[in-house]
Amino acid sequence: MRASAGAITACICLTFILPLTFRALSDLGVMLIKWWPTEAGQRILDLVPATRYLAPLPGLGWFAVCTLVALIGAISRVSRRDA
C-alpha cells in the first residue's frame, strides 16, 4: 500500500479485529483461530495448554513459518519496486 494510514489500518485489522470475528463463527471459527498465526504464536505464553489450540511449540513454529513467508514476500516486493 502506498498510504501509510491504510497500511497501518490493514495491519491492525489482520492482527486484532479478524481473530475477533473468527470467534463469532462456530466450528469454522475454532479451526481458523487454531491456525491463525498470531493466536498460534501466543500459545507459547500459556501456562496450561488449551486442547482446542495448537500446542505451544508447534504454535510458535507455525508463527515463525508464517512470519518468514511474510518477510520473504515483503523483501521481494521492495526489491522489485524500489530498484
PDB file of N, CA and C in Angstrom:
ATOM      1  N   MET A   1       0.841  -1.173   0.000  1.00  0.00           N
ATOM      2  CA  MET A   1       0.000   0.000   0.000  1.00  0.00           C
ATOM      3  C   MET A   1       0.886   1.235   0.000  1.00  0.00           C
ATOM      4  N   ARG A   2       0.429   2.246  -0.672  1.00  0.00           N
ATOM      5  CA  ARG A   2       1.215   3.477  -0.738  1.00  0.00           C
ATOM      6  C   ARG A   2       0.920   4.405   0.438  1.00  0.00           C
ATOM      7  N   ALA A   3      -0.302   4.398   0.932  1.00  0.00           N
ATOM      8  CA  ALA A   3      -0.661   5.266   2.055  1.00  0.00           C
ATOM      9  C   ALA A   3      -0.323   4.559   3.365  1.00  0.00           C
ATOM     10  N   SER A   4       0.439   5.212   4.209  1.00  0.00           N
ATOM     11  CA  SER A   4       0.824   4.577   5.467  1.00  0.00           C
ATOM     12  C   SER A   4      -0.373   4.388   6.391  1.00  0.00           C
ATOM     13  N   ALA A   5      -1.350   5.270   6.327  1.00  0.00           N
ATOM     14  CA  ALA A   5      -2.542   5.105   7.168  1.00  0.00           C
ATOM     15  C   ALA A   5      -3.313   3.852   6.762  1.00  0.00           C
ATOM     16  N   GLY A   6      -3.407   3.590   5.482  1.00  0.00           N
ATOM     17  CA  GLY A   6      -4.086   2.380   5.011  1.00  0.00           C
ATOM     18  C   GLY A   6      -3.341   1.121   5.401  1.00  0.00           C
ATOM     19  N   ALA A   7      -2.013   1.164   5.349  1.00  0.00           N
ATOM     20  CA  ALA A   7      -1.214   0.004   5.732  1.00  0.00           C
ATOM     21  C   ALA A   7      -1.335  -0.279   7.230  1.00  0.00           C
ATOM     22  N   ILE A   8      -1.341   0.761   8.032  1.00  0.00           N
ATOM     23  CA  ILE A   8      -1.497   0.583   9.477  1.00  0.00           C
ATOM     24  C   ILE A   8      -2.876   0.029   9.799  1.00  0.00           C
ATOM     25  N   THR A   9      -3.908   0.524   9.132  1.00  0.00           N
ATOM     26  CA  THR A   9      -5.264   0.023   9.344  1.00  0.00           C
ATOM     27  C   THR A   9      -5.373  -1.440   8.939  1.00  0.00           C
ATOM     28  N   ALA A  10      -4.770  -1.811   7.825  1.00  0.00           N
ATOM     29  CA  ALA A  10      -4.808  -3.204   7.378  1.00  0.00           C
ATOM     30  C   ALA A  10      -4.095  -4.115   8.375  1.00  0.00           C
ATOM     31  N   CYS A  11      -2.966  -3.688   8.909  1.00  0.00           N
ATOM     32  CA  CYS A  11      -2.238  -4.495   9.889  1.00  0.00           C
ATOM     33  C   CYS A  11      -3.025  -4.663  11.179  1.00  0.00           C
ATOM     34  N   ILE A  12      -3.658  -3.611  11.638  1.00  0.00           N
ATOM     35  CA  ILE A  12      -4.465  -3.695  12.868  1.00  0.00           C
ATOM     36  C   ILE A  12      -5.653  -4.624  12.654  1.00  0.00           C
ATOM     37  N   CYS A  13      -6.289  -4.526  11.496  1.00  0.00           N
ATOM     38  CA  CYS A  13      -7.436  -5.399  11.211  1.00  0.00           C
ATOM     39  C   CYS A  13      -7.014  -6.856  11.153  1.00  0.00           C
ATOM     40  N   LEU A  14      -5.891  -7.146  10.506  1.00  0.00           N
ATOM     41  CA  LEU A  14      -5.427  -8.530  10.396  1.00  0.00           C
ATOM     42  C   LEU A  14      -4.970  -9.094  11.734  1.00  0.00           C
ATOM     43  N   THR A  15      -4.420  -8.244  12.580  1.00  0.00           N
ATOM     44  CA  THR A  15      -3.869  -8.729  13.838  1.00  0.00           C
ATOM     45  C   THR A  15      -4.911  -8.837  14.945  1.00  0.00           C
ATOM     46  N   PHE A  16      -5.800  -7.853  15.056  1.00  0.00           N
ATOM     47  CA  PHE A  16      -6.714  -7.816  16.195  1.00  0.00           C
ATOM     48  C   PHE A  16      -8.170  -8.064  15.846  1.00  0.00           C
ATOM     49  N   ILE A  17      -8.664  -7.461  14.794  1.00  0.00           N
ATOM     50  CA  ILE A  17     -10.101  -7.491  14.525  1.00  0.00           C
ATOM     51  C   ILE A  17     -10.540  -8.794  13.858  1.00  0.00           C
ATOM     52  N   LEU A  18      -9.755  -9.313  12.920  1.00  0.00           N
ATOM     53  CA  LEU A  18     -10.131 -10.541  12.231  1.00  0.00           C
ATOM     54  C   LEU A  18     -10.233 -11.738  13.178  1.00  0.00           C
ATOM     55  N   PRO A  19      -9.300 -11.942  14.132  1.00  0.00           N
ATOM     56  CA  PRO A  19      -9.499 -13.039  15.086  1.00  0.00           C
ATOM     57  C   PRO A  19     -10.758 -12.876  15.945  1.00  0.00           C
ATOM     58  N   LEU A  20     -11.154 -11.656  16.228  1.00  0.00           N
ATOM     59  CA  LEU A  20     -12.396 -11.459  16.984  1.00  0.00           C
ATOM     60  C   LEU A  20     -13.616 -11.889  16.177  1.00  0.00           C
ATOM     61  N   THR A  21     -13.589 -11.648  14.882  1.00  0.00           N
ATOM     62  CA  THR A  21     -14.713 -12.100  14.050  1.00  0.00           C
ATOM     63  C   THR A  21     -14.705 -13.617  13.898  1.00  0.00           C
ATOM     64  N   PHE A  22     -13.530 -14.245  13.951  1.00  0.00           N
ATOM     65  CA  PHE A  22     -13.486 -15.706  13.906  1.00  0.00           C
ATOM     66  C   PHE A  22     -14.193 -16.313  15.106  1.00  0.00           C
ATOM     67  N   ARG A  23     -14.093 -15.664  16.245  1.00  0.00           N
ATOM     68  CA  ARG A  23     -14.724 -16.187  17.459  1.00  0.00           C
ATOM     69  C   ARG A  23     -16.247 -16.183  17.356  1.00  0.00           C
ATOM     70  N   ALA A  24     -16.791 -15.334  16.495  1.00  0.00           N
ATOM     71  CA  ALA A  24     -18.238 -15.291  16.319  1.00  0.00           C
ATOM     72  C   ALA A  24     -18.748 -16.475  15.489  1.00  0.00           C
ATOM     73  N   LEU A  25     -17.878 -17.073  14.699  1.00  0.00           N
ATOM     74  CA  LEU A  25     -18.241 -18.246  13.915  1.00  0.00           C
ATOM     75  C   LEU A  25     -18.213 -19.474  14.807  1.00  0.00           C
ATOM     76  N   SER A  26     -18.878 -20.531  14.409  1.00  0.00           N
ATOM     77  CA  SER A  26     -18.933 -21.724  15.266  1.00  0.00           C
ATOM     78  C   SER A  26     -17.707 -22.609  15.045  1.00  0.00           C
ATOM     79  N   ASP A  27     -17.862 -23.781  14.479  1.00  0.00           N
ATOM     80  CA  ASP A  27     -16.749 -24.723  14.323  1.00  0.00           C
ATOM     81  C   ASP A  27     -15.694 -24.211  13.349  1.00  0.00           C
ATOM     82  N   LEU A  28     -16.121 -23.526  12.319  1.00  0.00           N
ATOM     83  CA  LEU A  28     -15.169 -22.964  11.365  1.00  0.00           C
ATOM     84  C   LEU A  28     -14.288 -21.920  12.042  1.00  0.00           C
ATOM     85  N   GLY A  29     -14.873 -21.131  12.922  1.00  0.00           N
ATOM     86  CA  GLY A  29     -14.111 -20.121  13.644  1.00  0.00           C
ATOM     87  C   GLY A  29     -13.069 -20.726  14.567  1.00  0.00           C
ATOM     88  N   VAL A  30     -13.410 -21.845  15.194  1.00  0.00           N
ATOM     89  CA  VAL A  30     -12.454 -22.520  16.076  1.00  0.00           C
ATOM     90  C   VAL A  30     -11.262 -23.026  15.272  1.00  0.00           C
ATOM     91  N   MET A  31     -11.535 -23.583  14.080  1.00  0.00           N
ATOM     92  CA  MET A  31     -10.448 -24.062  13.236  1.00  0.00           C
ATOM     93  C   MET A  31      -9.584 -22.909  12.733  1.00  0.00           C
ATOM     94  N   LEU A  32     -10.217 -21.794  12.353  1.00  0.00           N
ATOM     95  CA  LEU A  32      -9.459 -20.640  11.873  1.00  0.00           C
ATOM     96  C   LEU A  32      -8.617 -20.014  12.977  1.00  0.00           C
ATOM     97  N   ILE A  33      -9.168 -19.924  14.167  1.00  0.00           N
ATOM     98  CA  ILE A  33      -8.416 -19.382  15.310  1.00  0.00           C
ATOM     99  C   ILE A  33      -7.232 -20.283  15.639  1.00  0.00           C
ATOM    100  N   LYS A  34      -7.426 -21.598  15.531  1.00  0.00           N
ATOM    101  CA  LYS A  34      -6.356 -22.540  15.860  1.00  0.00           C
ATOM    102  C   LYS A  34      -5.142 -22.329  14.961  1.00  0.00           C
ATOM    103  N   TRP A  35      -5.353 -22.027  13.699  1.00  0.00           N
ATOM    104  CA  TRP A  35      -4.242 -21.888  12.751  1.00  0.00           C
ATOM    105  C   TRP A  35      -3.905 -20.441  12.428  1.00  0.00           C
ATOM    106  N   TRP A  36      -4.559 -19.465  13.040  1.00  0.00           N
ATOM    107  CA  TRP A  36      -4.215 -18.062  12.789  1.00  0.00           C
ATOM    108  C   TRP A  36      -2.850 -17.791  13.405  1.00  0.00           C
ATOM    109  N   PRO A  37      -1.918 -17.208  12.652  1.00  0.00           N
ATOM    110  CA  PRO A  37      -0.523 -17.110  13.130  1.00  0.00           C
ATOM    111  C   PRO A  37      -0.342 -16.392  14.463  1.00  0.00           C
ATOM    112  N   THR A  38      -1.019 -15.278  14.687  1.00  0.00           N
ATOM    113  CA  THR A  38      -0.806 -14.559  15.943  1.00  0.00           C
ATOM    114  C   THR A  38      -1.364 -15.323  17.132  1.00  0.00           C
ATOM    115  N   GLU A  39      -2.473 -16.001  16.940  1.00  0.00           N
ATOM    116  CA  GLU A  39      -3.047 -16.800  18.028  1.00  0.00           C
ATOM    117  C   GLU A  39      -2.194 -18.041  18.294  1.00  0.00           C
ATOM    118  N   ALA A  40      -1.654 -18.649  17.236  1.00  0.00           N
ATOM    119  CA  ALA A  40      -0.810 -19.833  17.411  1.00  0.00           C
ATOM    120  C   ALA A  40       0.493 -19.466  18.125  1.00  0.00           C
ATOM    121  N   GLY A  41       1.088 -18.353  17.782  1.00  0.00           N
ATOM    122  CA  GLY A  41       2.313 -17.929  18.436  1.00  0.00           C
ATOM    123  C   GLY A  41       2.110 -17.510  19.873  1.00  0.00           C
ATOM    124  N   GLN A  42       0.930 -17.042  20.186  1.00  0.00           N
ATOM    125  CA  GLN A  42       0.640 -16.601  21.548  1.00  0.00           C
ATOM    126  C   GLN A  42       0.527 -17.783  22.510  1.00  0.00           C
ATOM    127  N   ARG A  43       0.320 -18.981  22.002  1.00  0.00           N
ATOM    128  CA  ARG A  43       0.180 -20.169  22.858  1.00  0.00           C
ATOM    129  C   ARG A  43       1.450 -20.484  23.623  1.00  0.00           C
ATOM    130  N   ILE A  44       2.600 -19.976  23.200  1.00  0.00           N
ATOM    131  CA  ILE A  44       3.853 -20.226  23.916  1.00  0.00           C
ATOM    132  C   ILE A  44       3.813 -19.575  25.301  1.00  0.00           C
ATOM    133  N   LEU A  45       2.942 -18.591  25.488  1.00  0.00           N
ATOM    134  CA  LEU A  45       2.831 -17.894  26.765  1.00  0.00           C
ATOM    135  C   LEU A  45       1.849 -18.557  27.728  1.00  0.00           C
ATOM    136  N   ASP A  46       1.089 -19.553  27.257  1.00  0.00           N
ATOM    137  CA  ASP A  46       0.103 -20.211  28.113  1.00  0.00           C
ATOM    138  C   ASP A  46       0.787 -21.083  29.159  1.00  0.00           C
ATOM    139  N   LEU A  47       0.311 -20.996  30.382  1.00  0.00           N
ATOM    140  CA  LEU A  47       0.840 -21.862  31.431  1.00  0.00           C
ATOM    141  C   LEU A  47       0.228 -23.258  31.345  1.00  0.00           C
ATOM    142  N   VAL A  48      -1.054 -23.320  31.009  1.00  0.00           N
ATOM    143  CA  VAL A  48      -1.752 -24.595  30.831  1.00  0.00           C
ATOM    144  C   VAL A  48      -2.237 -24.646  29.388  1.00  0.00           C
ATOM    145  N   PRO A  49      -1.734 -25.585  28.573  1.00  0.00           N
ATOM    146  CA  PRO A  49      -2.141 -25.626  27.170  1.00  0.00           C
ATOM    147  C   PRO A  49      -3.631 -25.955  27.022  1.00  0.00           C
ATOM    148  N   ALA A  50      -4.312 -25.226  26.162  1.00  0.00           N
ATOM    149  CA  ALA A  50      -5.717 -25.481  25.873  1.00  0.00           C
ATOM    150  C   ALA A  50      -5.805 -26.556  24.801  1.00  0.00           C
ATOM    151  N   THR A  51      -6.817 -27.389  24.875  1.00  0.00           N
ATOM    152  CA  THR A  51      -6.933 -28.500  23.932  1.00  0.00           C
ATOM    153  C   THR A  51      -7.415 -28.046  22.561  1.00  0.00           C
ATOM    154  N   ARG A  52      -8.124 -26.920  22.486  1.00  0.00           N
ATOM    155  CA  ARG A  52      -8.652 -26.511  21.191  1.00  0.00           C
ATOM    156  C   ARG A  52      -7.676 -25.668  20.371  1.00  0.00           C
ATOM    157  N   TYR A  53      -6.525 -25.337  20.928  1.00  0.00           N
ATOM    158  CA  TYR A  53      -5.492 -24.601  20.210  1.00  0.00           C
ATOM    159  C   TYR A  53      -4.313 -25.519  19.920  1.00  0.00           C
ATOM    160  N   LEU A  54      -3.369 -25.010  19.139  1.00  0.00           N
ATOM    161  CA  LEU A  54      -2.131 -25.752  18.919  1.00  0.00           C
ATOM    162  C   LEU A  54      -1.325 -25.797  20.215  1.00  0.00           C
ATOM    163  N   ALA A  55      -0.497 -26.819  20.332  1.00  0.00           N
ATOM    164  CA  ALA A  55       0.404 -26.895  21.485  1.00  0.00           C
ATOM    165  C   ALA A  55       1.410 -25.741  21.395  1.00  0.00           C
ATOM    166  N   PRO A  56       2.055 -25.386  22.498  1.00  0.00           N
ATOM    167  CA  PRO A  56       2.930 -24.207  22.491  1.00  0.00           C
ATOM    168  C   PRO A  56       4.056 -24.233  21.451  1.00  0.00           C
ATOM    169  N   LEU A  57       4.839 -25.292  21.377  1.00  0.00           N
ATOM    170  CA  LEU A  57       5.962 -25.300  20.439  1.00  0.00           C
ATOM    171  C   LEU A  57       5.525 -25.389  18.977  1.00  0.00           C
ATOM    172  N   PRO A  58       4.566 -26.250  18.612  1.00  0.00           N
ATOM    173  CA  PRO A  58       4.085 -26.200  17.224  1.00  0.00           C
ATOM    174  C   PRO A  58       3.443 -24.861  16.869  1.00  0.00           C
ATOM    175  N   GLY A  59       2.791 -24.226  17.821  1.00  0.00           N
ATOM    176  CA  GLY A  59       2.210 -22.909  17.579  1.00  0.00           C
ATOM    177  C   GLY A  59       3.277 -21.868  17.314  1.00  0.00           C
ATOM    178  N   LEU A  60       4.344 -21.915  18.077  1.00  0.00           N
ATOM    179  CA  LEU A  60       5.459 -20.992  17.857  1.00  0.00           C
ATOM    180  C   LEU A  60       6.126 -21.266  16.519  1.00  0.00           C
ATOM    181  N   GLY A  61       6.245 -22.539  16.174  1.00  0.00           N
ATOM    182  CA  GLY A  61       6.823 -22.887  14.883  1.00  0.00           C
ATOM    183  C   GLY A  61       5.982 -22.400  13.723  1.00  0.00           C
ATOM    184  N   TRP A  62       4.658 -22.568  13.826  1.00  0.00           N
ATOM    185  CA  TRP A  62       3.756 -22.091  12.776  1.00  0.00           C
ATOM    186  C   TRP A  62       3.827 -20.568  12.651  1.00  0.00           C
ATOM    187  N   PHE A  63       3.896 -19.879  13.775  1.00  0.00           N
ATOM    188  CA  PHE A  63       4.036 -18.428  13.766  1.00  0.00           C
ATOM    189  C   PHE A  63       5.337 -18.010  13.088  1.00  0.00           C
ATOM    190  N   ALA A  64       6.425 -18.725  13.375  1.00  0.00           N
ATOM    191  CA  ALA A  64       7.715 -18.406  12.774  1.00  0.00           C
ATOM    192  C   ALA A  64       7.705 -18.645  11.268  1.00  0.00           C
ATOM    193  N   VAL A  65       7.076 -19.729  10.822  1.00  0.00           N
ATOM    194  CA  VAL A  65       6.994 -20.014   9.390  1.00  0.00           C
ATOM    195  C   VAL A  65       6.178 -18.937   8.672  1.00  0.00           C
ATOM    196  N   CYS A  66       5.045 -18.558   9.235  1.00  0.00           N
ATOM    197  CA  CYS A  66       4.214 -17.514   8.623  1.00  0.00           C
ATOM    198  C   CYS A  66       4.941 -16.179   8.592  1.00  0.00           C
ATOM    199  N   THR A  67       5.675 -15.868   9.644  1.00  0.00           N
ATOM    200  CA  THR A  67       6.448 -14.639   9.684  1.00  0.00           C
ATOM    201  C   THR A  67       7.549 -14.650   8.634  1.00  0.00           C
ATOM    202  N   LEU A  68       8.211 -15.781   8.468  1.00  0.00           N
ATOM    203  CA  LEU A  68       9.262 -15.897   7.469  1.00  0.00           C
ATOM    204  C   LEU A  68       8.710 -15.750   6.054  1.00  0.00           C
ATOM    205  N   VAL A  69       7.565 -16.346   5.784  1.00  0.00           N
ATOM    206  CA  VAL A  69       6.935 -16.216   4.460  1.00  0.00           C
ATOM    207  C   VAL A  69       6.555 -14.761   4.191  1.00  0.00           C
ATOM    208  N   ALA A  70       5.979 -14.088   5.182  1.00  0.00           N
ATOM    209  CA  ALA A  70       5.616 -12.676   5.008  1.00  0.00           C
ATOM    210  C   ALA A  70       6.852 -11.806   4.802  1.00  0.00           C
ATOM    211  N   LEU A  71       7.919 -12.099   5.517  1.00  0.00           N
ATOM    212  CA  LEU A  71       9.157 -11.333   5.374  1.00  0.00           C
ATOM    213  C   LEU A  71       9.783 -11.532   3.993  1.00  0.00           C
ATOM    214  N   ILE A  72       9.798 -12.759   3.502  1.00  0.00           N
ATOM    215  CA  ILE A  72      10.330 -13.029   2.165  1.00  0.00           C
ATOM    216  C   ILE A  72       9.491 -12.329   1.106  1.00  0.00           C
ATOM    217  N   GLY A  73       8.167 -12.364   1.266  1.00  0.00           N
ATOM    218  CA  GLY A  73       7.295 -11.660   0.323  1.00  0.00           C
ATOM    219  C   GLY A  73       7.524 -10.163   0.336  1.00  0.00           C
ATOM    220  N   ALA A  74       7.707  -9.597   1.507  1.00  0.00           N
ATOM    221  CA  ALA A  74       7.940  -8.155   1.611  1.00  0.00           C
ATOM    222  C   ALA A  74       9.289  -7.767   1.011  1.00  0.00           C
ATOM    223  N   ILE A  75      10.311  -8.562   1.254  1.00  0.00           N
ATOM    224  CA  ILE A  75      11.630  -8.268   0.702  1.00  0.00           C
ATOM    225  C   ILE A  75      11.616  -8.353  -0.816  1.00  0.00           C
ATOM    226  N   SER A  76      10.917  -9.350  -1.351  1.00  0.00           N
ATOM    227  CA  SER A  76      10.874  -9.473  -2.811  1.00  0.00           C
ATOM    228  C   SER A  76      10.101  -8.319  -3.449  1.00  0.00           C
ATOM    229  N   ARG A  77       9.042  -7.874  -2.808  1.00  0.00           N
ATOM    230  CA  ARG A  77       8.281  -6.740  -3.362  1.00  0.00           C
ATOM    231  C   ARG A  77       9.071  -5.453  -3.289  1.00  0.00           C
ATOM    232  N   VAL A  78       9.773  -5.223  -2.193  1.00  0.00           N
ATOM    233  CA  VAL A  78      10.551  -3.996  -2.054  1.00  0.00           C
ATOM    234  C   VAL A  78      11.717  -3.998  -3.041  1.00  0.00           C
ATOM    235  N   SER A  79      12.353  -5.129  -3.219  1.00  0.00           N
ATOM    236  CA  SER A  79      13.498  -5.167  -4.126  1.00  0.00           C
ATOM    237  C   SER A  79      13.069  -4.979  -5.583  1.00  0.00           C
ATOM    238  N   ARG A  80      11.864  -5.397  -5.941  1.00  0.00           N
ATOM    239  CA  ARG A  80      11.380  -5.209  -7.304  1.00  0.00           C
ATOM    240  C   ARG A  80      10.908  -3.773  -7.572  1.00  0.00           C
ATOM    241  N   ARG A  81      10.266  -3.169  -6.598  1.00  0.00           N
ATOM    242  CA  ARG A  81       9.687  -1.843  -6.806  1.00  0.00           C
ATOM    243  C   ARG A  81      10.669  -0.715  -6.572  1.00  0.00           C
ATOM    244  N   ASP A  82      11.557  -0.877  -5.621  1.00  0.00           N
ATOM    245  CA  ASP A  82      12.470   0.208  -5.250  1.00  0.00           C
ATOM    246  C   ASP A  82      13.877   0.006  -5.830  1.00  0.00           C
ATOM    247  N   ALA A  83      13.961  -0.697  -6.936  1.00  0.00           N
ATOM    248  CA  ALA A  83      15.283  -0.963  -7.519  1.00  0.00           C
ATOM    249  C   ALA A  83      15.849   0.236  -8.223  1.00  0.00           C
TER     250      ALA A  83
END
